[in-house]
């Protein structure tokens, strides 16, 4: 059939991709002939109706046509929604995930485990008979007892019954676990590192901590480093999402498992971040940019909240620095030779001062997130070295953080400081 090559092309698209757009020219190249003239002039030609050959071909591979742009000549193709499971049990959910997993990167989990851990054998399935507990309503991947495990289980969220799904570290006592080992502590260390580095990519996920055999639960909250107090026998730390029992989508679960694979690889193996070579030569152009500080609630509300708070602090601190140094000496988003931008920079007689703002719950977390960036801004080859590097946060500067920075300044002679910025008074409380 005429549109079969297009259907084949879409069938090969990764299941994690919800929509793909093609220009008319690309479609013609795929099918090997020109589209009818009406495809260029009449939007109804693209309608998803059963009497049209294009729709029938797309429907067979799980796609439909989105809103076509005749002016720019492109058509979006959207994936059809799968029929969701209604009130399934854990065994049914696992069965559905196993049957669809080969179309997702998550389907390669056991191959990834074999390579990262130098295992001799490759398990045939993601889950195993001994890792599915139908009576208690949970399952985790085969081999995951002592790993960052992919976990599905009956749970409650905001009073609604359903299933959590994501990754977890379980410290429930058992024959293979009767004490917290160094390997376990290293796993938590790497998990916390990943959260510090990349939590902004998982702002639609939640986490909680729970103690077995007790009512001691934390609330579901945004991703944040696991506190030492939660790392003890019989605790359970979970990161993921929740679906109500009345509307379970295995495909959405698999799509989110794909995203969590990066976390698994980091915690259980090696991970390297790509580097971008920076542009050369930048100018200091003074000034501040008034950025948004309000937004409507969306599915990425928490990311917006954090970014908007950052914007508020950046602008208020910029105004404070202008009062202190003069409007021609201050600018925001100062470009550096490594291709990044300093939140705020001050140019004065002793050189530059770089300010990096972090919206975190403690001075320690602010310093941890900012220190690498500030060092790179100042010391990367061809960078403009600053006379001072200042981490900006709203939390108070505690004694431990103060000792840490004093050690860095004394031992390595790096001029790094922490300043608390009080948004109520718009005053900088210096270290």
Foldseek 3Di string as FASTA:
>chain_A
DQQLQVLVVVLLDFLLDFKDKDFQVRSCVRSVHHDDPCVLPPQCLQDLDPVHPNNVSNVVSQWGWDRADSVRGMIMIGGHADAFAFLDALVVLQVVLFVPLVSAPVQCVQVLCCVFVVDPDGDPTQWDPVQADRVQGKGWGVVPQQAQTFMKGWDDAPRFTFIWTDTKHFQEDDPVHDFQDPLNVLLLVQLQVCCLVPLLVVLLKWKWKDAPPDPDIDHTHRDHRDDPVRPGHRMMIDIGDTDGNRGHGSSVSSSVRNVCVLSRCRSRGPDDDDADQFADDDDDAFDEDQDDLDDDDDSNNVSSNQVSVLSLLLVLLQVVVCVVQNRRFKHAQGAWRRHGGFGMWGQDPVGIETEHEGEDDAPVSQCVSCVVVQCCQAPPPNHPHHPAYEGEYAHDQDPVNVVVVVCCCVVVVHRYFYWYADSVVSDIRGD
